[in-house]
Amino acid sequence: MPGEPADRGLVTRTAEAADALAAFLAALHQPAPEEVDITGGGRRGPMAGSSEWVAQQLAEATEMGLIPDPDAVRAVWEDAAAAPDWAGSALWLHGDPHPANVLTADGTADRFYGTYQPTPDAAALRRARGWAVNRALGGLHVGEAGVHGRPGGKATWGPPAHAAPQRLIATAPR
């Protein structure tokens, strides 16, 4: 597809980009064919399938000083993992929302959330927060890899990955 990943280019029309991403995701979240495999972990299936990976990534990020409040992040994940599994029909979802393929410009999150208006139940919102923790931890490790002497890494992933846990903690139900 033509274009520039959000982590490499400057998004100059952020409101339009937020609206476009919200419209894309809303259109994507439609019933999937019955033969779609929804049993696996990682980017699909029940949250519990990723608990070990999340615990390991959170421990590593904490050791590197990347998570200022690991207990609060862990609480968001544990709440999500305890939420009831999705019982509806399989849906198409964007399973890899990271800075190279989503909008990352500052100030657009509120616009995006205002435009993207799914009608999930409370359990779906809890699971979504957990997947956000999952993807943020992955983004932290990719964003900080070169900084911490590990091979690879994409420094442009670091800032949004640092912001996500803070936003999740700040908006956690109390």
C-alpha atoms as a PDB file:
ATOM      1  CA  MET A   1       0.000   0.000   0.000  1.00  0.00           C
ATOM      2  CA  PRO A   2       1.334   3.462  -0.717  1.00  0.00           C
ATOM      3  CA  GLY A   3       2.116   5.720   2.195  1.00  0.00           C
ATOM      4  CA  GLU A   4       4.449   6.118   5.130  1.00  0.00           C
ATOM      5  CA  PRO A   5       4.173   4.195   8.420  1.00  0.00           C
ATOM      6  CA  ALA A   6       3.199   6.521  11.264  1.00  0.00           C
ATOM      7  CA  ASP A   7       6.480   5.910  13.062  1.00  0.00           C
ATOM      8  CA  ARG A   8       8.486   7.210  10.083  1.00  0.00           C
ATOM      9  CA  GLY A   9       6.478  10.117   8.807  1.00  0.00           C
ATOM     10  CA  LEU A  10       4.978  13.264  10.148  1.00  0.00           C
ATOM     11  CA  VAL A  11       1.202  13.201  10.318  1.00  0.00           C
ATOM     12  CA  THR A  12       0.204  16.744   9.441  1.00  0.00           C
ATOM     13  CA  ARG A  13      -3.573  16.364   9.280  1.00  0.00           C
ATOM     14  CA  THR A  14      -3.992  14.570  12.592  1.00  0.00           C
ATOM     15  CA  ALA A  15      -7.738  15.056  12.958  1.00  0.00           C
ATOM     16  CA  GLU A  16      -8.355  13.562   9.526  1.00  0.00           C
ATOM     17  CA  ALA A  17      -5.934  10.718  10.236  1.00  0.00           C
ATOM     18  CA  ALA A  18      -7.641   9.933  13.569  1.00  0.00           C
ATOM     19  CA  ASP A  19     -11.035   9.926  11.854  1.00  0.00           C
ATOM     20  CA  ALA A  20      -9.747   7.685   9.042  1.00  0.00           C
ATOM     21  CA  LEU A  21      -8.219   5.170  11.462  1.00  0.00           C
ATOM     22  CA  ALA A  22     -11.393   5.093  13.552  1.00  0.00           C
ATOM     23  CA  ALA A  23     -13.529   4.544  10.437  1.00  0.00           C
ATOM     24  CA  PHE A  24     -11.188   1.788   9.213  1.00  0.00           C
ATOM     25  CA  LEU A  25     -11.314  -0.087  12.523  1.00  0.00           C
ATOM     26  CA  ALA A  26     -15.082   0.308  12.812  1.00  0.00           C
ATOM     27  CA  ALA A  27     -15.480  -1.113   9.294  1.00  0.00           C
ATOM     28  CA  LEU A  28     -13.019  -3.931  10.023  1.00  0.00           C
ATOM     29  CA  HIS A  29     -14.766  -5.144  13.175  1.00  0.00           C
ATOM     30  CA  GLN A  30     -17.296  -7.245  11.315  1.00  0.00           C
ATOM     31  CA  PRO A  31     -18.145 -10.946  11.617  1.00  0.00           C
ATOM     32  CA  ALA A  32     -15.400 -13.201  10.275  1.00  0.00           C
ATOM     33  CA  PRO A  33     -16.009 -16.461   8.397  1.00  0.00           C
ATOM     34  CA  GLU A  34     -16.744 -19.479  10.592  1.00  0.00           C
ATOM     35  CA  GLU A  35     -13.501 -21.192   9.578  1.00  0.00           C
ATOM     36  CA  VAL A  36     -11.318 -18.459  11.139  1.00  0.00           C
ATOM     37  CA  ASP A  37      -9.083 -19.889  13.898  1.00  0.00           C
ATOM     38  CA  ILE A  38      -9.812 -18.041  17.142  1.00  0.00           C
ATOM     39  CA  THR A  39      -8.186 -20.534  19.523  1.00  0.00           C
ATOM     40  CA  GLY A  40      -4.586 -19.322  19.464  1.00  0.00           C
ATOM     41  CA  GLY A  41      -2.868 -16.889  21.810  1.00  0.00           C
ATOM     42  CA  GLY A  42      -0.745 -13.900  20.963  1.00  0.00           C
ATOM     43  CA  ARG A  43      -2.849 -11.742  18.679  1.00  0.00           C
ATOM     44  CA  ARG A  44      -6.049 -13.738  18.855  1.00  0.00           C
ATOM     45  CA  GLY A  45      -7.951 -15.984  21.198  1.00  0.00           C
ATOM     46  CA  PRO A  46      -8.461 -15.875  24.955  1.00  0.00           C
ATOM     47  CA  MET A  47      -6.411 -13.423  27.017  1.00  0.00           C
ATOM     48  CA  ALA A  48      -5.091 -16.149  29.314  1.00  0.00           C
ATOM     49  CA  GLY A  49      -2.994 -17.507  26.425  1.00  0.00           C
ATOM     50  CA  SER A  50      -0.751 -14.441  26.695  1.00  0.00           C
ATOM     51  CA  SER A  51      -0.431 -14.158  30.485  1.00  0.00           C
ATOM     52  CA  GLU A  52       2.985 -15.800  30.694  1.00  0.00           C
ATOM     53  CA  TRP A  53       4.398 -13.601  27.911  1.00  0.00           C
ATOM     54  CA  VAL A  54       2.943 -10.446  29.472  1.00  0.00           C
ATOM     55  CA  ALA A  55       4.373 -11.339  32.904  1.00  0.00           C
ATOM     56  CA  GLN A  56       7.824 -11.915  31.385  1.00  0.00           C
ATOM     57  CA  GLN A  57       7.744  -8.703  29.338  1.00  0.00           C
ATOM     58  CA  LEU A  58       6.505  -6.685  32.311  1.00  0.00           C
ATOM     59  CA  ALA A  59       9.279  -8.083  34.521  1.00  0.00           C
ATOM     60  CA  GLU A  60      11.939  -7.235  31.925  1.00  0.00           C
ATOM     61  CA  ALA A  61      10.540  -3.747  31.319  1.00  0.00           C
ATOM     62  CA  THR A  62      10.425  -3.150  35.071  1.00  0.00           C
ATOM     63  CA  GLU A  63      14.051  -4.271  35.488  1.00  0.00           C
ATOM     64  CA  MET A  64      15.071  -1.834  32.752  1.00  0.00           C
ATOM     65  CA  GLY A  65      13.201   0.984  34.506  1.00  0.00           C
ATOM     66  CA  LEU A  66      10.703   1.403  31.662  1.00  0.00           C
ATOM     67  CA  ILE A  67       7.551   0.985  33.767  1.00  0.00           C
ATOM     68  CA  PRO A  68       7.164   3.523  36.578  1.00  0.00           C
ATOM     69  CA  ASP A  69       4.238   1.680  38.219  1.00  0.00           C
ATOM     70  CA  PRO A  70       4.455  -2.032  37.347  1.00  0.00           C
ATOM     71  CA  ASP A  71       1.839  -3.003  39.940  1.00  0.00           C
ATOM     72  CA  ALA A  72      -0.747  -0.735  38.297  1.00  0.00           C
ATOM     73  CA  VAL A  73       0.098  -2.095  34.832  1.00  0.00           C
ATOM     74  CA  ARG A  74      -0.103  -5.650  36.173  1.00  0.00           C
ATOM     75  CA  ALA A  75      -3.515  -4.842  37.682  1.00  0.00           C
ATOM     76  CA  VAL A  76      -4.810  -3.655  34.286  1.00  0.00           C
ATOM     77  CA  TRP A  77      -3.585  -6.899  32.688  1.00  0.00           C
ATOM     78  CA  GLU A  78      -4.962  -9.130  35.451  1.00  0.00           C
ATOM     79  CA  ASP A  79      -8.347  -7.419  35.238  1.00  0.00           C
ATOM     80  CA  ALA A  80      -8.374  -7.989  31.487  1.00  0.00           C
ATOM     81  CA  ALA A  81      -7.287 -11.621  31.781  1.00  0.00           C
ATOM     82  CA  ALA A  82     -10.053 -12.225  34.352  1.00  0.00           C
ATOM     83  CA  ALA A  83     -12.731 -10.793  32.054  1.00  0.00           C
ATOM     84  CA  PRO A  84     -15.047 -13.351  30.471  1.00  0.00           C
ATOM     85  CA  ASP A  85     -13.910 -14.576  27.062  1.00  0.00           C
ATOM     86  CA  TRP A  86     -15.711 -13.287  23.989  1.00  0.00           C
ATOM     87  CA  ALA A  87     -18.779 -15.471  23.466  1.00  0.00           C
ATOM     88  CA  GLY A  88     -20.014 -13.928  20.235  1.00  0.00           C
ATOM     89  CA  SER A  89     -19.186 -14.718  16.639  1.00  0.00           C
ATOM     90  CA  ALA A  90     -15.584 -14.354  15.527  1.00  0.00           C
ATOM     91  CA  LEU A  91     -14.820 -10.783  14.425  1.00  0.00           C
ATOM     92  CA  TRP A  92     -12.103  -9.358  12.239  1.00  0.00           C
ATOM     93  CA  LEU A  93      -9.761  -7.300  14.428  1.00  0.00           C
ATOM     94  CA  HIS A  94      -6.530  -5.396  13.962  1.00  0.00           C
ATOM     95  CA  GLY A  95      -4.247  -7.677  15.954  1.00  0.00           C
ATOM     96  CA  ASP A  96      -1.029  -5.690  15.756  1.00  0.00           C
ATOM     97  CA  PRO A  97      -1.635  -2.022  16.510  1.00  0.00           C
ATOM     98  CA  HIS A  98       1.841  -0.593  16.934  1.00  0.00           C
ATOM     99  CA  PRO A  99       3.437   2.702  15.906  1.00  0.00           C
ATOM    100  CA  ALA A 100       4.449   1.458  12.485  1.00  0.00           C
ATOM    101  CA  ASN A 101       0.866   0.845  11.476  1.00  0.00           C
ATOM    102  CA  VAL A 102      -1.313   3.114  13.590  1.00  0.00           C
ATOM    103  CA  LEU A 103      -1.647   6.824  14.217  1.00  0.00           C
ATOM    104  CA  THR A 104       0.976   8.004  16.708  1.00  0.00           C
ATOM    105  CA  ALA A 105       0.741  11.799  16.627  1.00  0.00           C
ATOM    106  CA  ASP A 106       0.171  13.527  19.964  1.00  0.00           C
ATOM    107  CA  GLY A 107      -3.216  14.964  20.731  1.00  0.00           C
ATOM    108  CA  THR A 108      -5.172  12.667  18.450  1.00  0.00           C
ATOM    109  CA  ALA A 109      -6.091   9.891  20.883  1.00  0.00           C
ATOM    110  CA  ASP A 110      -9.122  11.777  22.197  1.00  0.00           C
ATOM    111  CA  ARG A 111     -10.234  12.555  18.654  1.00  0.00           C
ATOM    112  CA  PHE A 112      -9.812   8.898  17.681  1.00  0.00           C
ATOM    113  CA  TYR A 113     -11.771   7.617  20.692  1.00  0.00           C
ATOM    114  CA  GLY A 114     -14.480  10.208  20.071  1.00  0.00           C
ATOM    115  CA  THR A 115     -14.837   9.045  16.475  1.00  0.00           C
ATOM    116  CA  TYR A 116     -14.457   5.307  17.023  1.00  0.00           C
ATOM    117  CA  GLN A 117     -17.639   4.363  18.822  1.00  0.00           C
ATOM    118  CA  PRO A 118     -17.973   0.603  19.101  1.00  0.00           C
ATOM    119  CA  THR A 119     -20.677  -0.696  21.391  1.00  0.00           C
ATOM    120  CA  PRO A 120     -18.713  -3.224  23.426  1.00  0.00           C
ATOM    121  CA  ASP A 121     -19.840  -4.716  26.678  1.00  0.00           C
ATOM    122  CA  ALA A 122     -17.855  -4.149  29.873  1.00  0.00           C
ATOM    123  CA  ALA A 123     -15.869  -7.374  29.402  1.00  0.00           C
ATOM    124  CA  ALA A 124     -14.807  -6.331  25.890  1.00  0.00           C
ATOM    125  CA  LEU A 125     -13.515  -3.030  27.235  1.00  0.00           C
ATOM    126  CA  ARG A 126     -11.542  -4.864  29.935  1.00  0.00           C
ATOM    127  CA  ARG A 127     -10.007  -7.192  27.333  1.00  0.00           C
ATOM    128  CA  ALA A 128      -9.178  -4.248  25.055  1.00  0.00           C
ATOM    129  CA  ARG A 129      -7.265  -2.602  27.903  1.00  0.00           C
ATOM    130  CA  GLY A 130      -5.342  -5.849  28.375  1.00  0.00           C
ATOM    131  CA  TRP A 131      -4.415  -6.060  24.702  1.00  0.00           C
ATOM    132  CA  ALA A 132      -3.238  -2.458  24.951  1.00  0.00           C
ATOM    133  CA  VAL A 133      -0.930  -3.494  27.817  1.00  0.00           C
ATOM    134  CA  ASN A 134       0.276  -6.446  25.744  1.00  0.00           C
ATOM    135  CA  ARG A 135       1.069  -4.306  22.686  1.00  0.00           C
ATOM    136  CA  ALA A 136       2.634  -1.515  24.784  1.00  0.00           C
ATOM    137  CA  LEU A 137       5.024  -3.971  26.444  1.00  0.00           C
ATOM    138  CA  GLY A 138       6.036  -5.304  23.049  1.00  0.00           C
ATOM    139  CA  GLY A 139       6.487  -1.750  21.797  1.00  0.00           C
ATOM    140  CA  LEU A 140       8.663  -0.868  24.786  1.00  0.00           C
ATOM    141  CA  HIS A 141      10.999  -3.732  24.066  1.00  0.00           C
ATOM    142  CA  VAL A 142      11.229  -2.901  20.373  1.00  0.00           C
ATOM    143  CA  GLY A 143      11.544   0.820  21.099  1.00  0.00           C
ATOM    144  CA  GLU A 144      14.231   0.372  23.726  1.00  0.00           C
ATOM    145  CA  ALA A 145      16.207  -2.536  22.240  1.00  0.00           C
ATOM    146  CA  GLY A 146      19.043  -0.479  20.792  1.00  0.00           C
ATOM    147  CA  VAL A 147      19.121   1.748  23.865  1.00  0.00           C
ATOM    148  CA  HIS A 148      19.682  -1.238  26.151  1.00  0.00           C
ATOM    149  CA  GLY A 149      22.295  -2.997  24.040  1.00  0.00           C
ATOM    150  CA  ARG A 150      20.006  -5.549  22.430  1.00  0.00           C
ATOM    151  CA  PRO A 151      20.111  -5.938  18.656  1.00  0.00           C
ATOM    152  CA  GLY A 152      17.520  -4.269  16.500  1.00  0.00           C
ATOM    153  CA  GLY A 153      14.957  -1.919  17.798  1.00  0.00           C
ATOM    154  CA  LYS A 154      13.014   1.012  16.479  1.00  0.00           C
ATOM    155  CA  ALA A 155      13.432   4.100  18.626  1.00  0.00           C
ATOM    156  CA  THR A 156      10.264   5.634  17.166  1.00  0.00           C
ATOM    157  CA  TRP A 157       8.193   2.966  18.927  1.00  0.00           C
ATOM    158  CA  GLY A 158       9.405   4.035  22.376  1.00  0.00           C
ATOM    159  CA  PRO A 159       7.419   7.241  23.011  1.00  0.00           C
ATOM    160  CA  PRO A 160       3.960   5.841  22.201  1.00  0.00           C
ATOM    161  CA  ALA A 161       4.784   2.614  24.056  1.00  0.00           C
ATOM    162  CA  HIS A 162       5.770   4.650  27.135  1.00  0.00           C
ATOM    163  CA  ALA A 163       2.586   6.734  26.905  1.00  0.00           C
ATOM    164  CA  ALA A 164       0.176   3.801  26.620  1.00  0.00           C
ATOM    165  CA  PRO A 165       0.664   2.298  30.116  1.00  0.00           C
ATOM    166  CA  GLN A 166       0.400   5.759  31.646  1.00  0.00           C
ATOM    167  CA  ARG A 167      -2.873   6.385  29.805  1.00  0.00           C
ATOM    168  CA  LEU A 168      -4.187   2.944  30.814  1.00  0.00           C
ATOM    169  CA  ILE A 169      -3.314   3.493  34.475  1.00  0.00           C
ATOM    170  CA  ALA A 170      -4.809   6.988  34.474  1.00  0.00           C
ATOM    171  CA  THR A 171      -8.086   5.774  33.000  1.00  0.00           C
ATOM    172  CA  ALA A 172      -8.345   2.531  35.014  1.00  0.00           C
ATOM    173  CA  PRO A 173     -11.706   2.016  36.693  1.00  0.00           C
ATOM    174  CA  ARG A 174     -11.435   2.416  40.423  1.00  0.00           C
END
